[in-house]
Amino acid sequence: MDKVIFLDLNGVLINPFPAWKPDEEDRDGYARFNPYCTANSRALLKAYPALSIVLSSSRRVGKSLEKEKSKS
C-alpha cells in the first residue's frame, strides 16, 4: 500500500515559535517556513523515501512543486 501524506502548510511548516510570535513574511509575500518544522519534514521524507505528498494549501496555486521544494 502506498503511503500518502496530505499536507497543509499552515500549522505544519508555517508554525511560529513561540506561539505568540507573528508569522514572518518571506520574499514571495507568504509566511516563512519554520526551519525546525522543515527539518522534521525532511527527516520524515528521508525515513520514508517512497512517501507521496498531496499539498492541500492555497499556497500551491500558481506555483510549481519544484519551486516550493527549493524553499524548504
N, C-alpha and C. Protein backbone atom coordinates (compact mmCIF):
# COMPACT_ATOMS: atom_id res chain seq x y z
N MET A 1 0.83 -1.18 0.00
CA MET A 1 0.00 0.00 0.00
C MET A 1 0.89 1.25 0.00
N ASP A 2 0.54 2.20 -0.85
CA ASP A 2 1.28 3.45 -0.91
C ASP A 2 1.02 4.28 0.33
N LYS A 3 2.04 4.99 0.76
CA LYS A 3 1.90 5.89 1.91
C LYS A 3 1.78 7.32 1.39
N VAL A 4 0.74 8.00 1.85
CA VAL A 4 0.44 9.35 1.37
C VAL A 4 0.23 10.26 2.57
N ILE A 5 0.77 11.46 2.49
CA ILE A 5 0.51 12.50 3.48
C ILE A 5 -0.20 13.64 2.78
N PHE A 6 -1.31 14.07 3.36
CA PHE A 6 -2.00 15.27 2.89
C PHE A 6 -1.46 16.41 3.74
N LEU A 7 -0.79 17.34 3.11
CA LEU A 7 -0.06 18.38 3.83
C LEU A 7 -0.63 19.76 3.56
N ASP A 8 -1.08 20.39 4.62
CA ASP A 8 -1.46 21.80 4.57
C ASP A 8 -0.34 22.54 5.27
N LEU A 9 0.22 23.53 4.64
CA LEU A 9 1.42 24.18 5.16
C LEU A 9 1.20 24.91 6.48
N ASN A 10 0.06 25.58 6.64
CA ASN A 10 -0.20 26.32 7.87
C ASN A 10 -0.31 25.37 9.05
N GLY A 11 0.47 25.63 10.07
CA GLY A 11 0.47 24.78 11.25
C GLY A 11 1.41 23.61 11.16
N VAL A 12 1.93 23.33 9.98
CA VAL A 12 2.86 22.22 9.80
C VAL A 12 4.25 22.77 9.48
N LEU A 13 4.39 23.45 8.37
CA LEU A 13 5.67 24.06 8.01
C LEU A 13 5.71 25.55 8.35
N ILE A 14 4.54 26.16 8.42
CA ILE A 14 4.44 27.56 8.82
C ILE A 14 3.88 27.55 10.23
N ASN A 15 4.79 27.63 11.18
CA ASN A 15 4.41 27.49 12.58
C ASN A 15 5.33 28.38 13.39
N PRO A 16 4.85 29.56 13.79
CA PRO A 16 5.73 30.46 14.54
C PRO A 16 6.08 29.90 15.91
N PHE A 17 7.29 30.16 16.34
CA PHE A 17 7.71 29.76 17.67
C PHE A 17 8.46 30.91 18.30
N PRO A 18 8.07 31.32 19.47
CA PRO A 18 6.95 30.84 20.27
C PRO A 18 5.61 31.18 19.64
N ALA A 19 4.56 30.55 20.16
CA ALA A 19 3.23 30.63 19.54
C ALA A 19 2.69 32.05 19.45
N TRP A 20 3.09 32.93 20.35
CA TRP A 20 2.59 34.31 20.33
C TRP A 20 3.27 35.15 19.25
N LYS A 21 4.37 34.66 18.72
CA LYS A 21 5.13 35.42 17.72
C LYS A 21 4.39 35.39 16.38
N PRO A 22 4.22 36.52 15.73
CA PRO A 22 3.54 36.52 14.43
C PRO A 22 4.39 35.87 13.34
N ASP A 23 3.73 35.40 12.29
CA ASP A 23 4.45 34.83 11.15
C ASP A 23 5.38 35.88 10.56
N GLU A 24 6.54 35.43 10.07
CA GLU A 24 7.44 36.31 9.34
C GLU A 24 7.13 36.16 7.86
N GLU A 25 7.14 37.25 7.14
CA GLU A 25 6.82 37.20 5.72
C GLU A 25 8.09 36.92 4.91
N ASP A 26 7.96 36.04 3.93
CA ASP A 26 9.07 35.70 3.04
C ASP A 26 9.03 36.62 1.83
N ARG A 27 10.03 36.52 0.96
CA ARG A 27 10.12 37.39 -0.22
C ARG A 27 8.95 37.24 -1.17
N ASP A 28 8.29 36.08 -1.15
CA ASP A 28 7.17 35.86 -2.06
C ASP A 28 5.84 36.38 -1.50
N GLY A 29 5.87 37.00 -0.33
CA GLY A 29 4.66 37.56 0.26
C GLY A 29 3.90 36.60 1.15
N TYR A 30 4.34 35.35 1.21
CA TYR A 30 3.72 34.36 2.08
C TYR A 30 4.53 34.23 3.37
N ALA A 31 3.94 33.58 4.35
CA ALA A 31 4.62 33.36 5.62
C ALA A 31 5.83 32.44 5.41
N ARG A 32 6.89 32.73 6.14
CA ARG A 32 8.13 31.96 6.04
C ARG A 32 7.98 30.60 6.71
N PHE A 33 8.60 29.57 6.12
CA PHE A 33 8.59 28.23 6.72
C PHE A 33 9.44 28.24 7.99
N ASN A 34 8.99 27.50 9.00
CA ASN A 34 9.74 27.36 10.24
C ASN A 34 10.87 26.36 10.00
N PRO A 35 12.13 26.73 10.28
CA PRO A 35 13.25 25.83 9.99
C PRO A 35 13.21 24.51 10.77
N TYR A 36 12.69 24.52 11.99
CA TYR A 36 12.59 23.29 12.77
C TYR A 36 11.55 22.35 12.15
N CYS A 37 10.46 22.93 11.69
CA CYS A 37 9.40 22.13 11.07
C CYS A 37 9.86 21.55 9.74
N THR A 38 10.59 22.32 8.95
CA THR A 38 11.09 21.80 7.68
C THR A 38 12.12 20.70 7.92
N ALA A 39 12.94 20.85 8.97
CA ALA A 39 13.91 19.80 9.29
C ALA A 39 13.20 18.50 9.66
N ASN A 40 12.12 18.60 10.42
CA ASN A 40 11.34 17.40 10.77
C ASN A 40 10.72 16.77 9.53
N SER A 41 10.24 17.59 8.63
CA SER A 41 9.64 17.07 7.39
C SER A 41 10.69 16.37 6.53
N ARG A 42 11.87 16.97 6.46
CA ARG A 42 12.96 16.32 5.70
C ARG A 42 13.32 14.97 6.29
N ALA A 43 13.38 14.89 7.62
CA ALA A 43 13.70 13.63 8.28
C ALA A 43 12.65 12.57 7.96
N LEU A 44 11.39 12.97 7.96
CA LEU A 44 10.31 12.04 7.62
C LEU A 44 10.45 11.54 6.18
N LEU A 45 10.72 12.46 5.27
CA LEU A 45 10.88 12.07 3.86
C LEU A 45 12.11 11.20 3.64
N LYS A 46 13.16 11.44 4.41
CA LYS A 46 14.37 10.61 4.30
C LYS A 46 14.09 9.20 4.83
N ALA A 47 13.32 9.12 5.91
CA ALA A 47 12.99 7.82 6.51
C ALA A 47 12.04 7.01 5.63
N TYR A 48 11.19 7.71 4.89
CA TYR A 48 10.19 7.07 4.03
C TYR A 48 10.30 7.64 2.61
N PRO A 49 11.30 7.23 1.86
CA PRO A 49 11.54 7.83 0.54
C PRO A 49 10.42 7.59 -0.48
N ALA A 50 9.60 6.59 -0.28
CA ALA A 50 8.51 6.32 -1.23
C ALA A 50 7.23 7.07 -0.86
N LEU A 51 7.30 7.87 0.17
CA LEU A 51 6.14 8.62 0.64
C LEU A 51 5.70 9.64 -0.41
N SER A 52 4.41 9.70 -0.65
CA SER A 52 3.85 10.69 -1.57
C SER A 52 3.21 11.81 -0.75
N ILE A 53 3.32 13.03 -1.26
CA ILE A 53 2.74 14.18 -0.58
C ILE A 53 1.70 14.82 -1.48
N VAL A 54 0.53 15.05 -0.90
CA VAL A 54 -0.52 15.81 -1.58
C VAL A 54 -0.57 17.15 -0.87
N LEU A 55 -0.20 18.21 -1.58
CA LEU A 55 -0.17 19.54 -1.00
C LEU A 55 -1.56 20.15 -1.05
N SER A 56 -2.16 20.35 0.11
CA SER A 56 -3.52 20.90 0.18
C SER A 56 -3.45 22.28 0.83
N SER A 57 -2.90 23.20 0.10
CA SER A 57 -2.73 24.56 0.60
C SER A 57 -2.99 25.54 -0.53
N SER A 58 -3.59 26.67 -0.21
CA SER A 58 -3.80 27.68 -1.25
C SER A 58 -2.48 28.20 -1.79
N ARG A 59 -1.41 27.98 -1.07
CA ARG A 59 -0.08 28.42 -1.49
C ARG A 59 0.38 27.69 -2.76
N ARG A 60 -0.24 26.56 -3.06
CA ARG A 60 0.14 25.76 -4.23
C ARG A 60 -0.33 26.39 -5.53
N VAL A 61 -1.32 27.27 -5.47
CA VAL A 61 -1.93 27.84 -6.67
C VAL A 61 -0.93 28.77 -7.36
N GLY A 62 -0.69 28.52 -8.62
CA GLY A 62 0.19 29.39 -9.40
C GLY A 62 1.67 29.13 -9.20
N LYS A 63 2.02 28.06 -8.48
CA LYS A 63 3.44 27.75 -8.25
C LYS A 63 3.68 26.27 -8.53
N SER A 64 4.88 25.99 -8.96
CA SER A 64 5.24 24.60 -9.21
C SER A 64 5.72 23.95 -7.93
N LEU A 65 5.62 22.63 -7.87
CA LEU A 65 6.13 21.89 -6.73
C LEU A 65 7.63 22.08 -6.61
N GLU A 66 8.33 22.13 -7.73
CA GLU A 66 9.78 22.33 -7.70
C GLU A 66 10.15 23.64 -7.02
N LYS A 67 9.38 24.69 -7.28
CA LYS A 67 9.65 25.98 -6.66
C LYS A 67 9.43 25.91 -5.14
N GLU A 68 8.37 25.25 -4.72
CA GLU A 68 8.11 25.10 -3.28
C GLU A 68 9.17 24.23 -2.61
N LYS A 69 9.58 23.16 -3.28
CA LYS A 69 10.59 22.27 -2.72
C LYS A 69 11.91 22.98 -2.53
N SER A 70 12.24 23.90 -3.42
CA SER A 70 13.53 24.59 -3.34
C SER A 70 13.59 25.54 -2.16
N LYS A 71 12.45 25.91 -1.58
CA LYS A 71 12.41 26.83 -0.45
C LYS A 71 12.65 26.14 0.87
N SER A 72 12.33 24.86 0.96
CA SER A 72 12.42 24.17 2.25
C SER A 72 13.76 23.50 2.44
